């Protein structure tokens, strides 16, 4: 028996996908490729947002924060997963597990809030175009970004503190990283009080932002329907549909994981669902939000040609 608040020298064993050994090589290749593309795509977006003056707008300011989040978010779990899939080492120290839990929750919570901020930015751009720059002035953008990061880390601090107070029976975590529902399944004592507190925190950080995003896109859709140009409506709905796809994948998998009764939580299903918000969503964000965008493509070609001319 081990607990976070007592000495647990051996740490934990991450079971990962070892129950399906024939699947591990396939997952390793798939995840390695997606992780590499995530690093590449999001790094490009951050660099272009800083280098090209045309991208110094509220939309790209928030997108650069989203890209930084995705880089850190996926890096908090994927390297450990790749090592796990190789079968080299499936253990993680007690301190490493706590650190991973805190960082993962902080970054995931920050993304939940930041996506709301980005939806508000799109709402202001579409529904209040004449006042957009007055509404989304630099000071407000910086404040919203700082508030997103702050809210995420405060939420993580609360939930990690609750996890550290639990007494755990055993040291085998049936997951590929240290995630909250797995700790609740491993708890020795009754966790109803802890679950209730976590549920409230998760509703605030997951369900409320999801509802706000859907509400903002309802207003955006209503505004787009008033556009007379058929081509303009088609383009706007295509963009909104792509954004909502990312929202659905990220929030849908997060709601499935964190807003269901712990006794109904399936650890096997949870591992595959977690792949969506740790592997799939971080690579979709640069593809959907920016790399399809003409401004980003123009900025990329400008940087490439500048490098070619200087060479």
C-alpha atoms as a PDB file:
ATOM      1  CA  UNK A   1       0.000   0.000   0.000  1.00  0.00           C
ATOM      2  CA  UNK A   2       1.305   3.450  -0.890  1.00  0.00           C
ATOM      3  CA  UNK A   3       0.093   7.005  -0.720  1.00  0.00           C
ATOM      4  CA  UNK A   4       1.122  10.403  -1.968  1.00  0.00           C
ATOM      5  CA  UNK A   5       1.493  11.699   1.567  1.00  0.00           C
ATOM      6  CA  UNK A   6       3.780   8.920   2.751  1.00  0.00           C
ATOM      7  CA  UNK A   7       7.042   7.487   1.432  1.00  0.00           C
ATOM      8  CA  UNK A   8       6.611   5.407  -1.730  1.00  0.00           C
ATOM      9  CA  UNK A   9      10.115   4.712  -2.931  1.00  0.00           C
ATOM     10  CA  UNK A  10       9.264   2.426  -5.863  1.00  0.00           C
ATOM     11  CA  UNK A  11       6.912   4.902  -7.562  1.00  0.00           C
ATOM     12  CA  UNK A  12       4.356   3.499  -9.999  1.00  0.00           C
ATOM     13  CA  UNK A  13       4.140   1.115 -12.933  1.00  0.00           C
ATOM     14  CA  UNK A  14       2.378   2.517 -16.000  1.00  0.00           C
ATOM     15  CA  UNK A  15       0.607  -0.445 -17.611  1.00  0.00           C
ATOM     16  CA  UNK A  16       0.001   1.491 -20.831  1.00  0.00           C
ATOM     17  CA  UNK A  17      -0.945  -0.727 -23.774  1.00  0.00           C
ATOM     18  CA  UNK A  18       1.004  -3.772 -22.583  1.00  0.00           C
ATOM     19  CA  UNK A  19      -2.228  -5.802 -22.592  1.00  0.00           C
ATOM     20  CA  UNK A  20      -2.089  -5.547 -26.402  1.00  0.00           C
ATOM     21  CA  UNK A  21       1.588  -6.270 -27.239  1.00  0.00           C
ATOM     22  CA  UNK A  22       0.835  -6.728 -30.953  1.00  0.00           C
ATOM     23  CA  UNK A  23      -0.620  -3.203 -31.016  1.00  0.00           C
ATOM     24  CA  UNK A  24       2.351  -1.473 -29.377  1.00  0.00           C
ATOM     25  CA  UNK A  25       4.663  -1.273 -32.476  1.00  0.00           C
ATOM     26  CA  UNK A  26       1.813   0.164 -34.566  1.00  0.00           C
ATOM     27  CA  UNK A  27       0.952   2.706 -31.877  1.00  0.00           C
ATOM     28  CA  UNK A  28       4.620   3.657 -31.513  1.00  0.00           C
ATOM     29  CA  UNK A  29       4.960   4.523 -35.227  1.00  0.00           C
ATOM     30  CA  UNK A  30       1.594   6.306 -35.326  1.00  0.00           C
ATOM     31  CA  UNK A  31       2.249   8.359 -32.179  1.00  0.00           C
ATOM     32  CA  UNK A  32       5.859   9.178 -33.107  1.00  0.00           C
ATOM     33  CA  UNK A  33       4.773  10.560 -36.499  1.00  0.00           C
ATOM     34  CA  UNK A  34       1.922  12.581 -35.003  1.00  0.00           C
ATOM     35  CA  UNK A  35       4.142  13.907 -32.201  1.00  0.00           C
ATOM     36  CA  UNK A  36       6.815  14.995 -34.703  1.00  0.00           C
ATOM     37  CA  UNK A  37       4.195  16.764 -36.852  1.00  0.00           C
ATOM     38  CA  UNK A  38       2.754  18.434 -33.746  1.00  0.00           C
ATOM     39  CA  UNK A  39       6.172  19.806 -32.776  1.00  0.00           C
ATOM     40  CA  UNK A  40       6.858  20.947 -36.334  1.00  0.00           C
ATOM     41  CA  UNK A  41       3.461  22.534 -37.036  1.00  0.00           C
ATOM     42  CA  UNK A  42       3.077  24.367 -33.746  1.00  0.00           C
ATOM     43  CA  UNK A  43       6.672  25.616 -33.763  1.00  0.00           C
ATOM     44  CA  UNK A  44       6.093  27.094 -37.235  1.00  0.00           C
ATOM     45  CA  UNK A  45       2.966  28.901 -36.050  1.00  0.00           C
ATOM     46  CA  UNK A  46       4.755  30.393 -33.014  1.00  0.00           C
ATOM     47  CA  UNK A  47       7.698  31.519 -35.159  1.00  0.00           C
ATOM     48  CA  UNK A  48       5.524  33.056 -37.887  1.00  0.00           C
ATOM     49  CA  UNK A  49       3.351  34.857 -35.329  1.00  0.00           C
ATOM     50  CA  UNK A  50       6.469  36.580 -34.012  1.00  0.00           C
ATOM     51  CA  UNK A  51       8.300  37.164 -37.306  1.00  0.00           C
ATOM     52  CA  UNK A  52       5.533  38.478 -39.587  1.00  0.00           C
ATOM     53  CA  UNK A  53       4.022  41.856 -38.694  1.00  0.00           C
ATOM     54  CA  UNK A  54       0.814  41.019 -40.583  1.00  0.00           C
ATOM     55  CA  UNK A  55       0.146  38.312 -38.009  1.00  0.00           C
ATOM     56  CA  UNK A  56       0.425  40.705 -35.051  1.00  0.00           C
ATOM     57  CA  UNK A  57      -3.337  40.598 -34.513  1.00  0.00           C
ATOM     58  CA  UNK A  58      -5.471  39.335 -31.586  1.00  0.00           C
ATOM     59  CA  UNK A  59      -6.395  36.150 -33.447  1.00  0.00           C
ATOM     60  CA  UNK A  60      -2.788  35.102 -34.064  1.00  0.00           C
ATOM     61  CA  UNK A  61      -1.704  36.284 -30.626  1.00  0.00           C
ATOM     62  CA  UNK A  62      -4.086  33.742 -29.077  1.00  0.00           C
ATOM     63  CA  UNK A  63      -3.175  31.106 -31.669  1.00  0.00           C
ATOM     64  CA  UNK A  64       0.503  31.402 -30.730  1.00  0.00           C
ATOM     65  CA  UNK A  65      -0.492  30.774 -27.097  1.00  0.00           C
ATOM     66  CA  UNK A  66      -2.564  27.767 -28.205  1.00  0.00           C
ATOM     67  CA  UNK A  67       0.395  26.391 -30.151  1.00  0.00           C
ATOM     68  CA  UNK A  68       2.703  26.828 -27.158  1.00  0.00           C
ATOM     69  CA  UNK A  69       0.111  25.060 -24.998  1.00  0.00           C
ATOM     70  CA  UNK A  70      -0.158  22.169 -27.453  1.00  0.00           C
ATOM     71  CA  UNK A  71       3.620  21.792 -27.598  1.00  0.00           C
ATOM     72  CA  UNK A  72       3.892  21.581 -23.822  1.00  0.00           C
ATOM     73  CA  UNK A  73       0.663  19.605 -23.353  1.00  0.00           C
ATOM     74  CA  UNK A  74       1.607  16.780 -25.694  1.00  0.00           C
ATOM     75  CA  UNK A  75       5.237  16.777 -24.482  1.00  0.00           C
ATOM     76  CA  UNK A  76       4.055  16.239 -20.899  1.00  0.00           C
ATOM     77  CA  UNK A  77       2.821  12.733 -21.809  1.00  0.00           C
ATOM     78  CA  UNK A  78       4.027  11.522 -25.224  1.00  0.00           C
ATOM     79  CA  UNK A  79       7.783  10.993 -24.569  1.00  0.00           C
ATOM     80  CA  UNK A  80       6.885   8.840 -21.546  1.00  0.00           C
ATOM     81  CA  UNK A  81       4.356   6.939 -23.696  1.00  0.00           C
ATOM     82  CA  UNK A  82       6.926   6.258 -26.445  1.00  0.00           C
ATOM     83  CA  UNK A  83       9.356   4.841 -23.873  1.00  0.00           C
ATOM     84  CA  UNK A  84       6.515   2.774 -22.434  1.00  0.00           C
ATOM     85  CA  UNK A  85       5.588   1.376 -25.858  1.00  0.00           C
ATOM     86  CA  UNK A  86       9.195   0.288 -26.414  1.00  0.00           C
ATOM     87  CA  UNK A  87       8.982  -1.731 -23.209  1.00  0.00           C
ATOM     88  CA  UNK A  88      12.284  -0.239 -22.016  1.00  0.00           C
ATOM     89  CA  UNK A  89      10.921   1.198 -18.793  1.00  0.00           C
ATOM     90  CA  UNK A  90       7.291   1.249 -17.628  1.00  0.00           C
ATOM     91  CA  UNK A  91       7.978   2.842 -14.243  1.00  0.00           C
ATOM     92  CA  UNK A  92       7.631   6.417 -13.090  1.00  0.00           C
ATOM     93  CA  UNK A  93       8.809   7.837  -9.785  1.00  0.00           C
ATOM     94  CA  UNK A  94       6.391   9.202  -7.208  1.00  0.00           C
ATOM     95  CA  UNK A  95       7.709  12.741  -7.726  1.00  0.00           C
ATOM     96  CA  UNK A  96       7.636  12.351 -11.495  1.00  0.00           C
ATOM     97  CA  UNK A  97       4.025  11.184 -11.358  1.00  0.00           C
ATOM     98  CA  UNK A  98       2.931  14.145  -9.225  1.00  0.00           C
ATOM     99  CA  UNK A  99       4.786  16.554 -11.525  1.00  0.00           C
ATOM    100  CA  UNK A 100       3.233  15.004 -14.639  1.00  0.00           C
ATOM    101  CA  UNK A 101      -0.252  15.148 -13.106  1.00  0.00           C
ATOM    102  CA  UNK A 102       0.165  18.809 -12.143  1.00  0.00           C
ATOM    103  CA  UNK A 103       1.634  19.920 -15.492  1.00  0.00           C
ATOM    104  CA  UNK A 104      -0.868  17.932 -17.533  1.00  0.00           C
ATOM    105  CA  UNK A 105      -3.870  19.282 -15.591  1.00  0.00           C
ATOM    106  CA  UNK A 106      -2.514  22.839 -15.681  1.00  0.00           C
ATOM    107  CA  UNK A 107      -1.968  22.848 -19.442  1.00  0.00           C
ATOM    108  CA  UNK A 108      -5.224  21.038 -20.215  1.00  0.00           C
ATOM    109  CA  UNK A 109      -7.205  23.430 -18.003  1.00  0.00           C
ATOM    110  CA  UNK A 110      -5.480  26.435 -19.572  1.00  0.00           C
ATOM    111  CA  UNK A 111      -6.467  25.208 -23.043  1.00  0.00           C
ATOM    112  CA  UNK A 112     -10.096  24.857 -21.922  1.00  0.00           C
ATOM    113  CA  UNK A 113     -10.157  28.534 -20.908  1.00  0.00           C
ATOM    114  CA  UNK A 114      -8.085  29.752 -23.867  1.00  0.00           C
ATOM    115  CA  UNK A 115     -10.480  28.150 -26.364  1.00  0.00           C
ATOM    116  CA  UNK A 116     -13.275  30.226 -24.796  1.00  0.00           C
ATOM    117  CA  UNK A 117     -11.172  33.368 -25.234  1.00  0.00           C
ATOM    118  CA  UNK A 118     -10.560  32.469 -28.872  1.00  0.00           C
ATOM    119  CA  UNK A 119     -14.295  31.895 -29.421  1.00  0.00           C
ATOM    120  CA  UNK A 120     -14.974  35.343 -27.932  1.00  0.00           C
ATOM    121  CA  UNK A 121     -12.366  36.822 -30.295  1.00  0.00           C
ATOM    122  CA  UNK A 122     -14.147  35.240 -33.291  1.00  0.00           C
ATOM    123  CA  UNK A 123     -17.502  36.446 -31.968  1.00  0.00           C
ATOM    124  CA  UNK A 124     -16.187  40.019 -31.761  1.00  0.00           C
ATOM    125  CA  UNK A 125     -14.677  39.777 -35.265  1.00  0.00           C
ATOM    126  CA  UNK A 126     -17.846  38.422 -36.907  1.00  0.00           C
ATOM    127  CA  UNK A 127     -20.641  40.003 -34.871  1.00  0.00           C
ATOM    128  CA  UNK A 128     -18.967  43.343 -34.005  1.00  0.00           C
ATOM    129  CA  UNK A 129     -16.602  43.939 -36.960  1.00  0.00           C
ATOM    130  CA  UNK A 130     -16.692  47.755 -36.773  1.00  0.00           C
ATOM    131  CA  UNK A 131     -15.716  47.741 -33.105  1.00  0.00           C
ATOM    132  CA  UNK A 132     -13.417  44.705 -33.227  1.00  0.00           C
ATOM    133  CA  UNK A 133     -10.071  46.472 -32.779  1.00  0.00           C
ATOM    134  CA  UNK A 134     -11.517  48.702 -30.053  1.00  0.00           C
ATOM    135  CA  UNK A 135     -12.821  45.644 -28.156  1.00  0.00           C
ATOM    136  CA  UNK A 136      -9.785  43.400 -28.636  1.00  0.00           C
ATOM    137  CA  UNK A 137      -7.111  45.957 -27.799  1.00  0.00           C
ATOM    138  CA  UNK A 138      -3.617  44.698 -26.835  1.00  0.00           C
ATOM    139  CA  UNK A 139      -4.067  45.240 -23.094  1.00  0.00           C
ATOM    140  CA  UNK A 140      -7.264  43.141 -23.016  1.00  0.00           C
ATOM    141  CA  UNK A 141      -5.628  40.394 -25.117  1.00  0.00           C
ATOM    142  CA  UNK A 142      -2.685  40.185 -22.727  1.00  0.00           C
ATOM    143  CA  UNK A 143      -5.015  40.166 -19.717  1.00  0.00           C
ATOM    144  CA  UNK A 144      -7.155  37.370 -21.185  1.00  0.00           C
ATOM    145  CA  UNK A 145      -4.065  35.292 -22.005  1.00  0.00           C
ATOM    146  CA  UNK A 146      -2.637  35.712 -18.497  1.00  0.00           C
ATOM    147  CA  UNK A 147      -6.044  34.917 -16.971  1.00  0.00           C
ATOM    148  CA  UNK A 148      -6.257  31.710 -19.038  1.00  0.00           C
ATOM    149  CA  UNK A 149      -2.858  30.490 -17.837  1.00  0.00           C
ATOM    150  CA  UNK A 150      -3.591  31.564 -14.268  1.00  0.00           C
ATOM    151  CA  UNK A 151      -6.973  29.799 -14.142  1.00  0.00           C
ATOM    152  CA  UNK A 152      -5.451  26.608 -15.531  1.00  0.00           C
ATOM    153  CA  UNK A 153      -2.645  26.469 -12.978  1.00  0.00           C
ATOM    154  CA  UNK A 154      -4.926  27.316 -10.051  1.00  0.00           C
ATOM    155  CA  UNK A 155      -7.318  24.519 -11.061  1.00  0.00           C
ATOM    156  CA  UNK A 156      -4.403  22.100 -11.369  1.00  0.00           C
ATOM    157  CA  UNK A 157      -3.033  23.095  -7.976  1.00  0.00           C
ATOM    158  CA  UNK A 158      -6.409  22.363  -6.346  1.00  0.00           C
ATOM    159  CA  UNK A 159      -6.915  18.988  -8.039  1.00  0.00           C
ATOM    160  CA  UNK A 160      -3.321  17.838  -7.563  1.00  0.00           C
ATOM    161  CA  UNK A 161      -3.595  18.737  -3.876  1.00  0.00           C
ATOM    162  CA  UNK A 162      -6.730  16.587  -3.578  1.00  0.00           C
ATOM    163  CA  UNK A 163      -4.941  13.700  -5.324  1.00  0.00           C
ATOM    164  CA  UNK A 164      -1.922  13.924  -3.017  1.00  0.00           C
ATOM    165  CA  UNK A 165      -4.201  13.620   0.010  1.00  0.00           C
ATOM    166  CA  UNK A 166      -5.595  10.252  -1.135  1.00  0.00           C
ATOM    167  CA  UNK A 167      -4.328   6.934   0.207  1.00  0.00           C
ATOM    168  CA  UNK A 168      -3.609   4.561  -2.684  1.00  0.00           C
ATOM    169  CA  UNK A 169      -3.701   0.762  -2.631  1.00  0.00           C
ATOM    170  CA  UNK A 170      -1.150  -0.638  -5.056  1.00  0.00           C
ATOM    171  CA  UNK A 171       1.288   0.880  -7.514  1.00  0.00           C
ATOM    172  CA  UNK A 172      -0.009  -0.268 -10.937  1.00  0.00           C
ATOM    173  CA  UNK A 173      -1.635   2.558 -12.882  1.00  0.00           C
ATOM    174  CA  UNK A 174      -3.699   1.137 -15.750  1.00  0.00           C
ATOM    175  CA  UNK A 175      -2.910   4.037 -18.073  1.00  0.00           C
ATOM    176  CA  UNK A 176      -0.020   5.444 -20.105  1.00  0.00           C
ATOM    177  CA  UNK A 177       0.377   8.512 -17.886  1.00  0.00           C
ATOM    178  CA  UNK A 178      -0.630   9.734 -14.435  1.00  0.00           C
ATOM    179  CA  UNK A 179      -4.255  10.798 -14.864  1.00  0.00           C
ATOM    180  CA  UNK A 180      -6.765  11.691 -12.159  1.00  0.00           C
ATOM    181  CA  UNK A 181      -9.481   9.031 -12.758  1.00  0.00           C
ATOM    182  CA  UNK A 182      -6.873   6.274 -12.472  1.00  0.00           C
ATOM    183  CA  UNK A 183      -5.853   7.531  -9.027  1.00  0.00           C
ATOM    184  CA  UNK A 184      -9.479   7.577  -7.916  1.00  0.00           C
ATOM    185  CA  UNK A 185      -9.834   3.934  -9.040  1.00  0.00           C
ATOM    186  CA  UNK A 186      -6.731   3.054  -7.026  1.00  0.00           C
ATOM    187  CA  UNK A 187      -7.849   4.802  -3.830  1.00  0.00           C
ATOM    188  CA  UNK A 188      -8.245   2.663  -0.705  1.00  0.00           C
ATOM    189  CA  UNK A 189     -10.779   4.748   1.200  1.00  0.00           C
ATOM    190  CA  UNK A 190     -14.145   6.138   0.165  1.00  0.00           C
ATOM    191  CA  UNK A 191     -13.569   9.028  -2.258  1.00  0.00           C
ATOM    192  CA  UNK A 192     -17.081  10.492  -2.492  1.00  0.00           C
ATOM    193  CA  UNK A 193     -16.051  13.769  -0.857  1.00  0.00           C
ATOM    194  CA  UNK A 194     -12.959  14.101  -3.051  1.00  0.00           C
ATOM    195  CA  UNK A 195     -14.935  13.187  -6.163  1.00  0.00           C
ATOM    196  CA  UNK A 196     -17.566  15.824  -5.364  1.00  0.00           C
ATOM    197  CA  UNK A 197     -14.925  18.556  -5.015  1.00  0.00           C
ATOM    198  CA  UNK A 198     -13.177  17.463  -8.212  1.00  0.00           C
ATOM    199  CA  UNK A 199     -16.493  17.300 -10.066  1.00  0.00           C
ATOM    200  CA  UNK A 200     -17.274  20.913  -9.189  1.00  0.00           C
ATOM    201  CA  UNK A 201     -13.818  22.026 -10.327  1.00  0.00           C
ATOM    202  CA  UNK A 202     -14.138  20.044 -13.561  1.00  0.00           C
ATOM    203  CA  UNK A 203     -17.592  21.439 -14.344  1.00  0.00           C
ATOM    204  CA  UNK A 204     -16.189  24.962 -13.961  1.00  0.00           C
ATOM    205  CA  UNK A 205     -13.109  24.297 -16.103  1.00  0.00           C
ATOM    206  CA  UNK A 206     -14.609  21.930 -18.734  1.00  0.00           C
ATOM    207  CA  UNK A 207     -18.415  22.044 -18.982  1.00  0.00           C
ATOM    208  CA  UNK A 208     -18.866  25.816 -18.535  1.00  0.00           C
ATOM    209  CA  UNK A 209     -16.242  26.735 -21.186  1.00  0.00           C
ATOM    210  CA  UNK A 210     -17.766  24.218 -23.622  1.00  0.00           C
ATOM    211  CA  UNK A 211     -21.209  25.786 -23.145  1.00  0.00           C
ATOM    212  CA  UNK A 212     -19.805  29.310 -23.618  1.00  0.00           C
ATOM    213  CA  UNK A 213     -18.057  28.265 -26.857  1.00  0.00           C
ATOM    214  CA  UNK A 214     -21.218  26.708 -28.260  1.00  0.00           C
ATOM    215  CA  UNK A 215     -23.171  29.833 -27.319  1.00  0.00           C
ATOM    216  CA  UNK A 216     -20.676  32.107 -29.069  1.00  0.00           C
ATOM    217  CA  UNK A 217     -20.812  30.005 -32.239  1.00  0.00           C
ATOM    218  CA  UNK A 218     -24.610  30.120 -32.209  1.00  0.00           C
ATOM    219  CA  UNK A 219     -24.355  33.931 -32.349  1.00  0.00           C
ATOM    220  CA  UNK A 220     -21.673  33.671 -35.050  1.00  0.00           C
ATOM    221  CA  UNK A 221     -23.874  31.334 -37.118  1.00  0.00           C
ATOM    222  CA  UNK A 222     -26.790  33.745 -36.754  1.00  0.00           C
ATOM    223  CA  UNK A 223     -24.602  36.609 -37.993  1.00  0.00           C
ATOM    224  CA  UNK A 224     -23.252  34.558 -40.910  1.00  0.00           C
ATOM    225  CA  UNK A 225     -26.780  33.677 -42.041  1.00  0.00           C
ATOM    226  CA  UNK A 226     -27.380  37.386 -42.612  1.00  0.00           C
ATOM    227  CA  UNK A 227     -24.461  37.536 -45.076  1.00  0.00           C
ATOM    228  CA  UNK A 228     -25.855  37.961 -48.586  1.00  0.00           C
ATOM    229  CA  UNK A 229     -22.955  36.316 -50.415  1.00  0.00           C
ATOM    230  CA  UNK A 230     -23.377  32.550 -50.808  1.00  0.00           C
ATOM    231  CA  UNK A 231     -19.613  32.092 -51.144  1.00  0.00           C
ATOM    232  CA  UNK A 232     -19.047  34.156 -47.996  1.00  0.00           C
ATOM    233  CA  UNK A 233     -21.548  32.081 -46.019  1.00  0.00           C
ATOM    234  CA  UNK A 234     -20.001  28.843 -47.270  1.00  0.00           C
ATOM    235  CA  UNK A 235     -16.489  29.969 -46.316  1.00  0.00           C
ATOM    236  CA  UNK A 236     -17.609  31.164 -42.873  1.00  0.00           C
ATOM    237  CA  UNK A 237     -19.531  27.981 -42.112  1.00  0.00           C
ATOM    238  CA  UNK A 238     -16.589  25.868 -43.320  1.00  0.00           C
ATOM    239  CA  UNK A 239     -14.243  27.709 -40.954  1.00  0.00           C
ATOM    240  CA  UNK A 240     -16.669  27.534 -38.024  1.00  0.00           C
ATOM    241  CA  UNK A 241     -17.312  23.834 -38.703  1.00  0.00           C
ATOM    242  CA  UNK A 242     -13.580  23.107 -38.593  1.00  0.00           C
ATOM    243  CA  UNK A 243     -13.174  24.981 -35.325  1.00  0.00           C
ATOM    244  CA  UNK A 244     -16.153  23.187 -33.790  1.00  0.00           C
ATOM    245  CA  UNK A 245     -14.655  19.830 -34.813  1.00  0.00           C
ATOM    246  CA  UNK A 246     -11.585  20.574 -32.683  1.00  0.00           C
ATOM    247  CA  UNK A 247     -13.807  21.748 -29.826  1.00  0.00           C
ATOM    248  CA  UNK A 248     -15.929  18.594 -30.067  1.00  0.00           C
ATOM    249  CA  UNK A 249     -12.899  16.266 -30.023  1.00  0.00           C
ATOM    250  CA  UNK A 250     -11.150  18.077 -27.160  1.00  0.00           C
ATOM    251  CA  UNK A 251     -14.123  18.766 -24.911  1.00  0.00           C
ATOM    252  CA  UNK A 252     -15.968  15.562 -25.813  1.00  0.00           C
ATOM    253  CA  UNK A 253     -13.069  13.365 -24.743  1.00  0.00           C
ATOM    254  CA  UNK A 254     -12.420  15.543 -21.656  1.00  0.00           C
ATOM    255  CA  UNK A 255     -16.091  15.378 -20.587  1.00  0.00           C
ATOM    256  CA  UNK A 256     -16.111  11.598 -21.077  1.00  0.00           C
ATOM    257  CA  UNK A 257     -13.012  11.261 -18.884  1.00  0.00           C
ATOM    258  CA  UNK A 258     -13.678  13.766 -16.115  1.00  0.00           C
ATOM    259  CA  UNK A 259     -17.440  14.238 -15.850  1.00  0.00           C
ATOM    260  CA  UNK A 260     -18.621  10.673 -15.416  1.00  0.00           C
ATOM    261  CA  UNK A 261     -19.112   8.728 -12.203  1.00  0.00           C
ATOM    262  CA  UNK A 262     -15.794   7.085 -11.331  1.00  0.00           C
ATOM    263  CA  UNK A 263     -17.342   3.610 -10.935  1.00  0.00           C
ATOM    264  CA  UNK A 264     -18.512   3.822 -14.570  1.00  0.00           C
ATOM    265  CA  UNK A 265     -15.063   4.822 -15.797  1.00  0.00           C
ATOM    266  CA  UNK A 266     -13.383   2.155 -17.934  1.00  0.00           C
ATOM    267  CA  UNK A 267      -9.605   2.284 -17.711  1.00  0.00           C
ATOM    268  CA  UNK A 268      -9.167   0.446 -21.024  1.00  0.00           C
ATOM    269  CA  UNK A 269     -11.517   2.787 -22.894  1.00  0.00           C
ATOM    270  CA  UNK A 270      -9.999   5.752 -21.064  1.00  0.00           C
ATOM    271  CA  UNK A 271      -6.565   5.057 -22.517  1.00  0.00           C
ATOM    272  CA  UNK A 272      -7.837   5.188 -26.102  1.00  0.00           C
ATOM    273  CA  UNK A 273     -10.005   8.252 -25.428  1.00  0.00           C
ATOM    274  CA  UNK A 274      -6.954   9.992 -23.923  1.00  0.00           C
ATOM    275  CA  UNK A 275      -5.145   9.555 -27.240  1.00  0.00           C
ATOM    276  CA  UNK A 276      -7.613  12.000 -28.802  1.00  0.00           C
ATOM    277  CA  UNK A 277      -6.764  14.934 -26.560  1.00  0.00           C
ATOM    278  CA  UNK A 278      -3.061  14.117 -26.136  1.00  0.00           C
ATOM    279  CA  UNK A 279      -2.208  13.122 -29.736  1.00  0.00           C
ATOM    280  CA  UNK A 280      -4.975  14.022 -32.225  1.00  0.00           C
ATOM    281  CA  UNK A 281      -6.150  17.468 -31.066  1.00  0.00           C
ATOM    282  CA  UNK A 282      -2.644  19.026 -30.802  1.00  0.00           C
ATOM    283  CA  UNK A 283      -1.933  18.192 -34.454  1.00  0.00           C
ATOM    284  CA  UNK A 284      -5.385  19.277 -35.659  1.00  0.00           C
ATOM    285  CA  UNK A 285      -5.091  22.745 -34.102  1.00  0.00           C
ATOM    286  CA  UNK A 286      -2.299  24.008 -36.418  1.00  0.00           C
ATOM    287  CA  UNK A 287      -3.911  22.355 -39.448  1.00  0.00           C
ATOM    288  CA  UNK A 288      -7.399  23.736 -38.876  1.00  0.00           C
ATOM    289  CA  UNK A 289      -6.740  27.114 -37.284  1.00  0.00           C
ATOM    290  CA  UNK A 290      -3.812  28.417 -39.280  1.00  0.00           C
ATOM    291  CA  UNK A 291      -2.020  26.297 -41.872  1.00  0.00           C
ATOM    292  CA  UNK A 292      -5.162  26.421 -44.050  1.00  0.00           C
ATOM    293  CA  UNK A 293      -5.175  30.215 -43.684  1.00  0.00           C
ATOM    294  CA  UNK A 294      -3.978  32.405 -46.562  1.00  0.00           C
ATOM    295  CA  UNK A 295      -2.283  34.870 -44.198  1.00  0.00           C
ATOM    296  CA  UNK A 296      -0.210  32.100 -42.614  1.00  0.00           C
ATOM    297  CA  UNK A 297       0.685  30.578 -45.981  1.00  0.00           C
ATOM    298  CA  UNK A 298       1.771  34.017 -47.216  1.00  0.00           C
ATOM    299  CA  UNK A 299       3.865  34.603 -44.101  1.00  0.00           C
ATOM    300  CA  UNK A 300       5.493  31.174 -44.487  1.00  0.00           C
ATOM    301  CA  UNK A 301       6.434  31.794 -48.122  1.00  0.00           C
ATOM    302  CA  UNK A 302       7.752  35.246 -47.207  1.00  0.00           C
ATOM    303  CA  UNK A 303      10.039  33.798 -44.523  1.00  0.00           C
ATOM    304  CA  UNK A 304      11.193  30.987 -46.834  1.00  0.00           C
ATOM    305  CA  UNK A 305      11.980  33.361 -49.707  1.00  0.00           C
ATOM    306  CA  UNK A 306      13.765  35.743 -47.335  1.00  0.00           C
ATOM    307  CA  UNK A 307      15.944  32.855 -46.141  1.00  0.00           C
ATOM    308  CA  UNK A 308      16.596  31.792 -49.744  1.00  0.00           C
ATOM    309  CA  UNK A 309      17.582  35.321 -50.816  1.00  0.00           C
ATOM    310  CA  UNK A 310      19.877  35.773 -47.820  1.00  0.00           C
ATOM    311  CA  UNK A 311      21.485  32.437 -48.657  1.00  0.00           C
END
